[in-house]
Amino acid sequence: MLVSDIVRHNARFFGEQDAVVVPGGTTHSWSELDVRTNRFAHALLGLGLVKGDRIAVFAPNCGEYVEFFFATAKSGIIGAATNIRLAPYEISSYLAYVEPQAVLVHAELARAARAWLPDVPTVRHVIGFGGDHGFDLDLEDLLGRARADDPAVPVHEEDTYQLGATSGTTGIPKAAVLTHRNALAAMLNWLAELPIPERGTGLQCIPYFFNPGGPAGLHPVLMKGGRTVVPPAFDPAEFPRLVQEYGVTNTIIVPTMVQMVVGQPGIERYDMSSLRGIISGGSPYVLDVLRRAREMIGDVFFPLYGMAESYSCGAVLRPENQFTEGTEEQVRRLSTVGKPNVLIRLRVVGPAGDDVPHDGRTSGEIWLSGDSISPGYFRMDEETRSSREGEWFKTGDVAVVDTEGFITIVDRLKDMIITGGINVFSVEVERVLQGHPDVEQAAVIGVPHETWGEAIHAVVRRRPGSAVTEDELMAFAAERLSGYKKPRSVEFLEQLPMSATGKILKKDLRGRHDGLPGQTEHAGA
């Protein structure tokens, strides 16, 4: 089976039912979507692109993004969704590596695209859409002239379907090769986990360039003849209204989005009882946020652990294991990522290559195996080899497993701080700081120190109206952490740099301190 078979199948069995709904804009049925994506595929092939070529897309969320995913699936041309939040240099660096032959650009971003297009020499065709874009080629004109029959390009399950940019939390994103088999396995994984009704309704909240063409874009709700509602951007004030108006059954949002939604005044006026399953990832839930969200929306949250290389599959904390009240051990589970997805094999491996004991203390690296796991990185043989051990993908995430099998992420291998020769997990310090009532967000990094190699530095976003000081937070941490784990300095920011998936970009925070002289106080005091 191929990703393109989803639209072919649904055009036959759900033909005139809604497939893509743009609030205040167009609605296309499954039959219309099938024809439009046939035309889209023919248009690309007519420009001289062939199976295996790359086409990038530079656009906000829109209905054409869904068409892009299915058109690339039908044509065998590889999609490369591009993060519109990156700086021009970052975009051109990534695309110069991906080498697309064509780029699809939304009119709203035409000016931004012109800032980096000259630095991507492989681009032969720029296709504009969505308004007055000023490019020579227009998507609707191309579709109007293209054939409507299926392009019938020979495509196989192991063929590359999309390139998934890694989150870029440690540098310029790499492109994970994502095949048709990877995408379908990921969708089936979440079909098995989530309550998804036939002909349900998905609400697209996170950017399409995250997890392109997989369960976060072509939501599994579509596999059962459902529809996707595509607003141009996430608006926490609009979220409850859209859920009520369209009877949304499923969506994918990150915990920071949930926090914004439940903080909206008047949210209780809306009926959100249609919601059946909400996937969320990027960072753990804060206890108070999840408690309020469950009270207002229901026990419908499925926090996930995953990444671009696994098509967002890995582990999930299922609702029956979420305790906002209960014993200390039950509540502690909220800080875990749960247990492996049903179609994923997961190991936590120590330095000697053996699985660590399930004692909640011994840490190791998470390794994943399954049909949703990328076969490697695009044109990066060494990075592919170093991230694999036979069938296993080495994630770089450090975790412990408790006696009941719940997995807790304790750090990224690259985020571990070594101060005075002692390893400190930044996540442990962050959890303590986030327990302070005046802290909205906290990130902990190592900064250069002339004596201890690295000193522990906290970057904090205060809650609105808070005036908590550096000394107060350092005293709070000192009461709860060993001496060598205490932050040596605290910095306050109005906003922390975030990735599209809700992860704090620690590389950006480190960049603020690279080359700065270290302090001389004792890092282990």
Protein backbone atom coordinates (compact mmCIF):
# COMPACT_ATOMS: atom_id res chain seq x y z
CA MET A 1 0.00 0.00 0.00
CA LEU A 2 1.10 3.57 -0.74
CA VAL A 3 0.23 6.95 0.76
CA SER A 4 -1.47 7.83 -2.53
CA ASP A 5 -3.83 4.88 -2.05
CA ILE A 6 -5.52 6.80 0.78
CA VAL A 7 -6.94 9.40 -1.60
CA ARG A 8 -7.66 6.83 -4.31
CA HIS A 9 -9.56 4.60 -1.88
CA ASN A 10 -11.51 7.43 -0.27
CA ALA A 11 -12.49 8.89 -3.65
CA ARG A 12 -14.18 5.55 -4.41
CA PHE A 13 -15.92 5.00 -1.08
CA PHE A 14 -16.41 8.52 0.34
CA GLY A 15 -16.40 10.44 -2.94
CA GLU A 16 -18.61 13.44 -2.18
CA GLN A 17 -17.78 13.62 1.52
CA ASP A 18 -15.58 16.49 2.68
CA ALA A 19 -11.84 15.81 2.63
CA VAL A 20 -10.21 19.23 3.14
CA VAL A 21 -12.01 22.19 4.73
CA VAL A 22 -10.45 25.65 4.94
CA PRO A 23 -12.54 27.82 7.30
CA GLY A 24 -13.75 30.83 5.37
CA GLY A 25 -12.25 29.36 2.20
CA THR A 26 -12.61 26.35 -0.04
CA THR A 27 -13.83 22.83 0.70
CA HIS A 28 -12.85 19.87 -1.45
CA SER A 29 -14.47 16.45 -1.45
CA TRP A 30 -12.47 13.26 -1.72
CA SER A 31 -13.35 12.98 -5.42
CA GLU A 32 -12.19 16.54 -6.03
CA LEU A 33 -9.02 15.97 -4.04
CA ASP A 34 -8.22 12.88 -6.08
CA VAL A 35 -8.57 14.77 -9.36
CA ARG A 36 -6.68 17.85 -8.15
CA THR A 37 -3.76 15.73 -6.93
CA ASN A 38 -3.71 13.86 -10.25
CA ARG A 39 -3.45 17.21 -12.02
CA PHE A 40 -0.81 18.41 -9.55
CA ALA A 41 1.32 15.32 -10.17
CA HIS A 42 0.98 15.66 -13.96
CA ALA A 43 1.88 19.36 -13.72
CA LEU A 44 5.13 18.59 -11.91
CA LEU A 45 6.02 15.82 -14.33
CA GLY A 46 5.21 18.17 -17.21
CA LEU A 47 7.80 20.63 -15.91
CA GLY A 48 10.44 17.96 -16.37
CA LEU A 49 10.64 16.69 -12.80
CA VAL A 50 11.00 12.94 -12.50
CA LYS A 51 10.61 10.36 -9.78
CA GLY A 52 13.31 10.93 -7.15
CA ASP A 53 13.64 14.67 -7.79
CA ARG A 54 12.83 16.97 -4.87
CA ILE A 55 10.25 19.72 -4.58
CA ALA A 56 10.25 22.00 -1.54
CA VAL A 57 7.21 23.79 -0.17
CA PHE A 58 7.40 27.12 1.65
CA ALA A 59 3.96 27.91 2.99
CA PRO A 60 1.81 28.34 6.08
CA ASN A 61 -0.85 25.75 6.75
CA CYS A 62 -3.30 25.68 3.84
CA GLY A 63 -5.39 23.24 1.85
CA GLU A 64 -2.77 23.06 -0.88
CA TYR A 65 -0.39 21.44 1.59
CA VAL A 66 -2.58 18.31 1.67
CA GLU A 67 -2.60 18.32 -2.13
CA PHE A 68 1.19 18.63 -2.11
CA PHE A 69 1.53 15.49 0.03
CA PHE A 70 -0.73 13.39 -2.20
CA ALA A 71 0.69 14.80 -5.46
CA THR A 72 4.23 13.93 -4.45
CA ALA A 73 3.04 10.48 -3.38
CA LYS A 74 1.44 9.89 -6.79
CA SER A 75 4.33 11.26 -8.86
CA GLY A 76 7.25 9.72 -6.97
CA ILE A 77 8.75 13.21 -6.63
CA ILE A 78 10.11 13.65 -3.10
CA GLY A 79 8.55 16.34 -0.94
CA ALA A 80 10.69 18.61 1.23
CA ALA A 81 8.52 20.68 3.55
CA THR A 82 10.44 23.73 4.78
CA ASN A 83 10.25 25.40 8.17
CA ILE A 84 9.01 28.93 7.48
CA ARG A 85 10.21 30.09 10.91
CA LEU A 86 13.88 29.69 10.08
CA ALA A 87 16.12 32.58 9.09
CA PRO A 88 16.96 32.95 5.36
CA TYR A 89 20.49 31.59 5.87
CA GLU A 90 19.14 28.52 7.68
CA ILE A 91 16.59 27.87 4.93
CA SER A 92 19.09 28.25 2.11
CA SER A 93 21.62 26.04 3.94
CA TYR A 94 19.05 23.29 4.40
CA LEU A 95 17.71 23.46 0.84
CA ALA A 96 21.18 23.70 -0.69
CA TYR A 97 21.76 20.33 0.97
CA VAL A 98 18.39 18.88 -0.15
CA GLU A 99 18.84 20.24 -3.73
CA PRO A 100 15.22 20.72 -4.79
CA GLN A 101 14.49 21.17 -8.49
CA ALA A 102 11.30 23.14 -7.73
CA VAL A 103 9.79 25.15 -4.89
CA LEU A 104 6.13 25.78 -4.13
CA VAL A 105 5.71 29.20 -2.48
CA HIS A 106 2.63 30.73 -0.87
CA ALA A 107 1.93 34.35 -1.83
CA GLU A 108 2.11 35.45 1.81
CA LEU A 109 5.74 34.31 1.90
CA ALA A 110 6.82 35.34 -1.60
CA ARG A 111 8.94 38.23 -0.35
CA ALA A 112 10.57 36.06 2.32
CA ALA A 113 11.32 33.36 -0.27
CA ARG A 114 13.10 35.83 -2.53
CA ALA A 115 15.62 36.40 0.27
CA TRP A 116 16.94 32.84 0.05
CA LEU A 117 16.01 31.54 -3.42
CA PRO A 118 19.20 32.91 -5.08
CA ASP A 119 21.25 30.78 -2.70
CA VAL A 120 19.61 27.49 -3.77
CA PRO A 121 21.07 27.01 -7.27
CA THR A 122 19.32 23.72 -8.05
CA VAL A 123 15.87 25.35 -8.18
CA ARG A 124 14.64 25.52 -11.80
CA HIS A 125 10.96 26.23 -11.15
CA VAL A 126 9.25 28.44 -8.57
CA ILE A 127 5.50 27.85 -8.40
CA GLY A 128 3.42 30.46 -6.61
CA PHE A 129 -0.08 30.09 -5.22
CA GLY A 130 -2.55 31.64 -2.84
CA GLY A 131 -2.76 35.14 -4.31
CA ASP A 132 -0.55 37.71 -6.02
CA HIS A 133 2.89 36.11 -5.75
CA GLY A 134 4.72 37.55 -8.77
CA PHE A 135 6.35 34.28 -9.89
CA ASP A 136 6.24 33.07 -13.50
CA LEU A 137 4.40 29.86 -12.65
CA ASP A 138 1.04 29.72 -10.87
CA LEU A 139 -0.26 26.51 -9.33
CA GLU A 140 -3.90 26.96 -10.37
CA ASP A 141 -2.86 27.74 -13.96
CA LEU A 142 -0.77 24.58 -14.03
CA LEU A 143 -3.62 22.49 -12.62
CA GLY A 144 -6.05 23.92 -15.17
CA ARG A 145 -3.85 22.75 -18.05
CA ALA A 146 -2.86 19.35 -16.61
CA ARG A 147 -4.47 15.97 -17.21
CA ALA A 148 -6.95 14.63 -14.67
CA ASP A 149 -6.19 10.91 -14.93
CA ASP A 150 -3.95 9.07 -12.49
CA PRO A 151 -0.29 9.60 -13.46
CA ALA A 152 0.39 5.88 -12.93
CA VAL A 153 4.03 6.39 -11.98
CA PRO A 154 5.54 3.13 -10.65
CA VAL A 155 6.00 3.84 -6.93
CA HIS A 156 6.87 1.27 -4.27
CA GLU A 157 6.59 1.09 -0.48
CA GLU A 158 10.34 1.49 -0.02
CA ASP A 159 10.57 4.56 -2.24
CA THR A 160 11.30 7.88 -0.55
CA TYR A 161 8.09 9.85 -0.07
CA GLN A 162 9.15 12.90 1.99
CA LEU A 163 12.27 14.32 3.60
CA GLY A 164 11.63 15.10 7.25
CA ALA A 165 13.78 17.87 8.68
CA THR A 166 15.02 17.04 12.14
CA SER A 167 14.06 19.54 14.81
CA GLY A 168 17.31 21.46 14.50
CA THR A 169 17.71 21.74 18.26
CA THR A 170 21.44 21.05 17.91
CA GLY A 171 22.21 22.71 14.55
CA ILE A 172 21.06 22.95 10.91
CA PRO A 173 18.41 20.24 10.41
CA LYS A 174 19.30 16.96 8.76
CA ALA A 175 16.80 15.41 6.36
CA ALA A 176 15.45 12.04 7.45
CA VAL A 177 14.50 9.84 4.51
CA LEU A 178 10.84 8.88 4.98
CA THR A 179 9.35 6.16 2.80
CA HIS A 180 5.76 5.25 2.00
CA ARG A 181 6.09 2.30 4.36
CA ASN A 182 7.35 4.60 7.13
CA ALA A 183 4.39 6.96 6.70
CA LEU A 184 1.73 4.27 6.63
CA ALA A 185 3.26 2.42 9.58
CA ALA A 186 3.21 5.65 11.58
CA MET A 187 -0.43 6.29 10.72
CA LEU A 188 -1.36 2.71 11.63
CA ASN A 189 0.52 3.11 14.92
CA TRP A 190 -1.71 6.01 15.89
CA LEU A 191 -4.84 4.37 14.49
CA ALA A 192 -4.13 1.57 16.96
CA GLU A 193 -3.58 4.01 19.85
CA LEU A 194 -6.29 6.62 19.34
CA PRO A 195 -10.08 6.49 19.36
CA ILE A 196 -10.72 7.62 15.78
CA PRO A 197 -14.26 7.31 14.41
CA GLU A 198 -15.11 6.62 10.78
CA ARG A 199 -15.50 9.93 8.94
CA GLY A 200 -14.17 11.85 11.91
CA THR A 201 -12.77 15.37 11.78
CA GLY A 202 -9.17 16.37 12.37
CA LEU A 203 -8.13 19.93 13.19
CA GLN A 204 -4.69 20.89 11.87
CA CYS A 205 -3.01 22.96 14.58
CA ILE A 206 0.71 22.31 14.25
CA PRO A 207 2.63 23.35 11.12
CA TYR A 208 2.55 20.94 8.20
CA PHE A 209 6.32 21.20 7.84
CA PHE A 210 6.60 19.18 11.04
CA ASN A 211 6.25 15.44 10.43
CA PRO A 212 5.50 16.07 6.73
CA GLY A 213 2.97 13.77 5.13
CA GLY A 214 2.78 11.58 8.23
CA PRO A 215 0.33 11.34 11.11
CA ALA A 216 0.80 14.99 12.11
CA GLY A 217 -0.14 16.18 8.61
CA LEU A 218 -2.15 13.47 6.91
CA HIS A 219 -3.79 12.65 10.20
CA PRO A 220 -4.90 9.02 10.63
CA VAL A 221 -8.47 10.36 10.68
CA LEU A 222 -8.14 10.64 6.89
CA MET A 223 -7.45 6.91 6.56
CA LYS A 224 -10.99 6.26 7.79
CA GLY A 225 -12.68 8.60 5.33
CA GLY A 226 -12.60 11.63 7.59
CA ARG A 227 -11.85 15.25 6.86
CA THR A 228 -9.21 17.73 7.94
CA VAL A 229 -10.01 21.32 8.90
CA VAL A 230 -7.10 23.63 8.06
CA PRO A 231 -6.99 27.12 9.58
CA PRO A 232 -4.00 29.22 8.45
CA ALA A 233 -2.43 29.25 11.93
CA PHE A 234 -3.08 28.09 15.46
CA ASP A 235 -5.14 30.58 17.46
CA PRO A 236 -5.90 29.53 21.05
CA ALA A 237 -8.98 31.76 21.12
CA GLU A 238 -10.31 30.13 17.94
CA PHE A 239 -9.54 26.55 18.95
CA PRO A 240 -12.68 25.90 21.06
CA ARG A 241 -14.92 27.58 18.50
CA LEU A 242 -13.55 25.46 15.66
CA VAL A 243 -13.89 22.28 17.71
CA GLN A 244 -17.54 23.09 18.39
CA GLU A 245 -18.39 24.29 14.87
CA TYR A 246 -16.86 21.36 13.01
CA GLY A 247 -17.33 18.61 15.60
CA VAL A 248 -13.59 17.99 15.76
CA THR A 249 -12.79 14.48 16.97
CA ASN A 250 -9.00 14.50 16.83
CA THR A 251 -6.08 16.91 16.72
CA ILE A 252 -2.38 17.22 17.44
CA ILE A 253 -1.10 20.03 19.64
CA VAL A 254 1.88 20.57 21.91
CA PRO A 255 1.56 21.19 25.67
CA THR A 256 2.31 24.91 25.32
CA MET A 257 -0.69 25.17 22.97
CA VAL A 258 -2.87 23.32 25.46
CA GLN A 259 -1.79 25.75 28.15
CA MET A 260 -2.80 28.68 25.94
CA VAL A 261 -6.18 27.11 25.13
CA VAL A 262 -7.23 26.36 28.70
CA GLY A 263 -6.15 29.85 29.72
CA GLN A 264 -8.62 31.50 27.34
CA PRO A 265 -11.39 33.49 29.05
CA GLY A 266 -14.87 32.15 28.38
CA ILE A 267 -13.69 28.76 27.15
CA GLU A 268 -16.40 27.08 29.22
CA ARG A 269 -19.01 28.48 26.81
CA TYR A 270 -17.92 26.06 24.10
CA ASP A 271 -18.88 22.42 23.68
CA MET A 272 -15.76 20.37 23.02
CA SER A 273 -17.30 17.00 23.86
CA SER A 274 -16.74 15.79 20.28
CA LEU A 275 -13.00 15.41 20.96
CA ARG A 276 -11.92 11.76 21.20
CA GLY A 277 -8.13 11.81 21.05
CA ILE A 278 -5.47 14.53 21.17
CA ILE A 279 -1.86 13.68 20.40
CA SER A 280 0.63 16.00 22.05
CA GLY A 281 4.40 16.06 22.15
CA GLY A 282 7.46 18.26 22.29
CA SER A 283 7.72 18.54 26.07
CA PRO A 284 6.11 17.04 29.19
CA TYR A 285 2.91 18.45 30.66
CA VAL A 286 2.97 20.63 33.73
CA LEU A 287 0.71 18.99 36.32
CA ASP A 288 -1.62 21.96 36.77
CA VAL A 289 -2.03 22.42 33.01
CA LEU A 290 -2.96 18.79 32.38
CA ARG A 291 -5.30 18.77 35.37
CA ARG A 292 -7.18 21.78 34.05
CA ALA A 293 -7.17 20.48 30.48
CA ARG A 294 -8.68 17.17 31.54
CA GLU A 295 -11.34 18.96 33.56
CA MET A 296 -12.29 21.24 30.66
CA ILE A 297 -11.79 18.94 27.66
CA GLY A 298 -11.75 15.37 28.98
CA ASP A 299 -9.44 12.38 29.34
CA VAL A 300 -8.48 12.56 25.68
CA PHE A 301 -4.76 13.41 25.83
CA PHE A 302 -2.08 11.11 24.43
CA PRO A 303 1.37 12.64 25.15
CA LEU A 304 3.85 11.12 22.73
CA TYR A 305 7.56 10.63 22.48
CA GLY A 306 8.92 10.60 18.96
CA MET A 307 11.02 12.44 16.41
CA ALA A 308 11.37 13.08 12.68
CA GLU A 309 13.38 9.88 12.24
CA SER A 310 10.54 7.77 13.70
CA TYR A 311 7.67 9.68 12.05
CA SER A 312 6.60 10.73 15.56
CA CYS A 313 6.34 7.19 16.89
CA GLY A 314 8.12 5.87 19.95
CA ALA A 315 6.16 5.91 23.19
CA VAL A 316 2.88 7.22 24.56
CA LEU A 317 1.47 7.95 28.01
CA ARG A 318 -2.05 6.60 27.67
CA PRO A 319 -4.96 8.30 29.50
CA GLU A 320 -5.44 5.42 31.92
CA ASN A 321 -1.91 6.02 33.20
CA GLN A 322 -2.33 9.77 33.76
CA PHE A 323 -2.94 10.67 37.39
CA THR A 324 -3.24 14.32 38.37
CA GLU A 325 -4.15 13.12 41.86
CA GLY A 326 -3.29 9.94 43.73
CA THR A 327 -0.17 8.43 45.19
CA GLU A 328 3.19 10.08 44.66
CA GLU A 329 4.17 7.25 42.32
CA GLN A 330 0.98 7.62 40.25
CA VAL A 331 1.39 11.38 39.85
CA ARG A 332 5.08 10.91 39.00
CA ARG A 333 4.04 9.08 35.83
CA LEU A 334 3.09 12.43 34.29
CA SER A 335 6.82 13.15 34.00
CA THR A 336 7.31 9.95 31.98
CA VAL A 337 6.72 9.36 28.27
CA GLY A 338 4.74 6.22 29.06
CA LYS A 339 5.40 2.95 27.28
CA PRO A 340 6.29 2.01 23.68
CA ASN A 341 3.76 2.41 20.88
CA VAL A 342 2.09 -0.82 19.87
CA LEU A 343 4.06 -1.13 16.61
CA ILE A 344 7.41 0.03 18.02
CA ARG A 345 10.15 -1.91 19.76
CA LEU A 346 12.05 0.17 22.29
CA ARG A 347 15.19 -0.50 24.30
CA VAL A 348 17.09 1.60 26.83
CA VAL A 349 20.71 0.61 26.32
CA GLY A 350 23.69 1.14 28.61
CA PRO A 351 27.30 1.90 27.57
CA ALA A 352 28.12 -1.81 27.24
CA GLY A 353 25.25 -2.41 24.81
CA ASP A 354 22.99 -4.19 27.30
CA ASP A 355 19.48 -3.17 28.31
CA VAL A 356 19.54 -1.23 31.56
CA PRO A 357 17.72 -2.67 34.60
CA HIS A 358 14.18 -1.41 35.21
CA ASP A 359 15.05 0.25 38.49
CA GLY A 360 14.17 3.87 37.72
CA ARG A 361 17.80 4.91 38.33
CA THR A 362 20.13 3.38 35.75
CA SER A 363 20.21 5.49 32.61
CA GLY A 364 20.85 4.51 29.02
CA GLU A 365 20.15 5.61 25.47
CA ILE A 366 16.77 4.95 23.84
CA TRP A 367 16.96 2.75 20.75
CA LEU A 368 13.96 2.25 18.46
CA SER A 369 13.00 -0.29 15.83
CA GLY A 370 9.88 -0.60 13.67
CA ASP A 371 8.45 0.02 10.22
CA SER A 372 7.98 3.74 10.88
CA ILE A 373 11.72 4.28 11.48
CA SER A 374 13.57 6.16 8.73
CA PRO A 375 16.20 4.11 6.89
CA GLY A 376 18.67 6.99 7.26
CA TYR A 377 19.59 10.57 6.47
CA PHE A 378 19.51 12.00 2.97
CA ARG A 379 23.01 11.86 1.47
CA MET A 380 24.63 11.55 4.91
CA ASP A 381 26.15 8.09 5.00
CA GLU A 382 28.35 8.66 8.05
CA GLU A 383 25.52 10.17 10.11
CA THR A 384 23.30 7.27 9.08
CA ARG A 385 25.89 4.69 10.12
CA SER A 386 26.63 6.36 13.45
CA SER A 387 22.94 6.53 14.35
CA ARG A 388 22.30 2.84 13.69
CA GLU A 389 23.16 -0.42 15.40
CA GLY A 390 21.80 -3.12 13.12
CA GLU A 391 18.02 -2.71 12.99
CA TRP A 392 18.06 -0.19 15.85
CA PHE A 393 17.97 3.61 15.58
CA LYS A 394 19.95 5.30 18.35
CA THR A 395 17.94 8.37 19.34
CA GLY A 396 20.50 10.23 21.45
CA ASP A 397 17.93 10.53 24.24
CA VAL A 398 18.91 9.35 27.72
CA ALA A 399 16.24 7.65 29.81
CA VAL A 400 15.52 5.41 32.78
CA VAL A 401 12.84 2.73 33.06
CA ASP A 402 10.96 2.06 36.29
CA THR A 403 9.78 -1.29 37.65
CA GLU A 404 6.44 -0.99 35.81
CA GLY A 405 8.03 -0.19 32.46
CA PHE A 406 7.37 3.55 32.36
CA ILE A 407 10.11 5.46 30.56
CA THR A 408 11.44 8.80 31.78
CA ILE A 409 13.60 10.98 29.54
CA VAL A 410 16.39 12.42 31.66
CA ASP A 411 18.29 14.28 28.93
CA ARG A 412 19.65 14.44 25.43
CA LEU A 413 23.16 13.04 25.21
CA LYS A 414 24.17 16.37 23.67
CA ASP A 415 22.45 18.35 26.45
CA MET A 416 24.21 16.61 29.31
CA ILE A 417 26.31 19.07 31.31
CA ILE A 418 29.75 18.01 32.53
CA THR A 419 30.79 20.24 35.42
CA GLY A 420 33.95 19.43 37.33
CA GLY A 421 34.00 16.01 35.66
CA ILE A 422 30.51 15.13 36.93
CA ASN A 423 27.55 14.49 34.60
CA VAL A 424 24.43 16.55 35.32
CA PHE A 425 21.16 15.91 33.49
CA SER A 426 19.71 19.29 32.52
CA VAL A 427 16.15 17.91 32.61
CA GLU A 428 16.46 17.14 36.32
CA VAL A 429 17.37 20.75 37.10
CA GLU A 430 14.64 22.05 34.78
CA ARG A 431 11.98 20.01 36.55
CA VAL A 432 12.96 21.51 39.88
CA LEU A 433 12.84 25.06 38.54
CA GLN A 434 9.51 24.46 36.83
CA GLY A 435 8.14 23.45 40.20
CA HIS A 436 8.45 27.06 41.36
CA PRO A 437 5.05 28.79 41.18
CA ASP A 438 6.50 31.84 39.42
CA VAL A 439 8.23 29.93 36.60
CA GLU A 440 6.46 29.54 33.27
CA GLN A 441 9.34 27.83 31.42
CA ALA A 442 12.90 26.86 32.26
CA ALA A 443 15.84 25.63 30.23
CA VAL A 444 19.19 24.60 31.68
CA ILE A 445 22.42 24.63 29.71
CA GLY A 446 26.13 24.37 30.32
CA VAL A 447 28.12 27.55 29.76
CA PRO A 448 31.92 27.79 29.48
CA HIS A 449 33.73 27.90 32.82
CA GLU A 450 37.50 28.37 33.06
CA THR A 451 37.86 26.04 36.04
CA TRP A 452 35.03 23.51 35.85
CA GLY A 453 34.67 23.18 32.09
CA GLU A 454 30.97 24.00 32.25
CA ALA A 455 28.81 25.79 34.78
CA ILE A 456 25.08 25.24 35.11
CA HIS A 457 23.09 28.17 33.76
CA ALA A 458 19.29 28.48 33.88
CA VAL A 459 17.22 30.48 31.41
CA VAL A 460 13.76 31.25 32.76
CA ARG A 461 10.53 32.75 31.54
CA ARG A 462 8.56 34.15 34.46
CA ARG A 463 4.81 33.75 34.79
CA PRO A 464 2.91 36.95 33.91
CA GLY A 465 3.05 39.41 36.78
CA SER A 466 5.88 37.61 38.56
CA ALA A 467 8.98 39.40 39.81
CA VAL A 468 10.86 36.36 41.11
CA THR A 469 14.60 37.06 41.31
CA GLU A 470 17.74 35.13 40.46
CA ASP A 471 18.63 34.75 44.14
CA GLU A 472 15.17 33.39 44.98
CA LEU A 473 15.31 30.76 42.24
CA MET A 474 18.84 29.73 43.14
CA ALA A 475 17.80 29.33 46.78
CA PHE A 476 14.74 27.32 45.70
CA ALA A 477 16.94 24.98 43.65
CA ALA A 478 19.55 24.70 46.41
CA GLU A 479 16.92 23.26 48.76
CA ARG A 480 16.04 20.52 46.28
CA LEU A 481 19.26 19.62 44.45
CA SER A 482 22.72 18.39 45.30
CA GLY A 483 25.36 21.12 45.38
CA TYR A 484 26.95 20.21 42.06
CA LYS A 485 23.54 20.31 40.31
CA LYS A 486 22.59 23.82 41.42
CA PRO A 487 22.39 26.58 38.80
CA ARG A 488 25.27 29.02 39.14
CA SER A 489 23.39 31.76 37.30
CA VAL A 490 19.86 32.54 36.17
CA GLU A 491 18.88 34.58 33.13
CA PHE A 492 15.35 35.87 32.48
CA LEU A 493 13.85 36.12 28.98
CA GLU A 494 10.43 37.29 27.81
CA GLN A 495 10.33 34.41 25.32
CA LEU A 496 12.45 31.28 25.01
CA PRO A 497 13.37 30.24 21.45
CA MET A 498 11.09 27.36 20.45
CA SER A 499 11.01 24.85 17.61
CA ALA A 500 7.86 24.15 15.64
CA THR A 501 7.23 21.13 17.85
CA GLY A 502 7.32 23.07 21.10
CA LYS A 503 10.87 22.19 22.07
CA ILE A 504 13.16 24.82 23.52
CA LEU A 505 16.05 25.51 21.14
CA LYS A 506 18.99 25.12 23.48
CA LYS A 507 21.45 25.66 20.65
CA ASP A 508 20.16 29.23 20.40
CA LEU A 509 20.54 29.71 24.15
CA ARG A 510 24.07 28.31 24.07
CA GLY A 511 24.89 30.65 21.21
CA ARG A 512 24.27 33.59 23.52
CA HIS A 513 27.10 32.39 25.77
CA ASP A 514 29.66 30.90 23.37
CA GLY A 515 33.08 32.38 24.00
CA LEU A 516 32.10 34.22 27.16
CA PRO A 517 34.62 34.05 30.00
CA GLY A 518 33.56 31.67 32.74
CA GLN A 519 32.99 32.60 36.33
CA THR A 520 35.45 31.45 38.94
CA GLU A 521 33.15 30.38 41.74
CA HIS A 522 33.24 26.72 42.79
CA ALA A 523 30.88 24.75 40.52
CA GLY A 524 30.47 21.98 43.05
CA ALA A 525 29.87 24.05 46.16
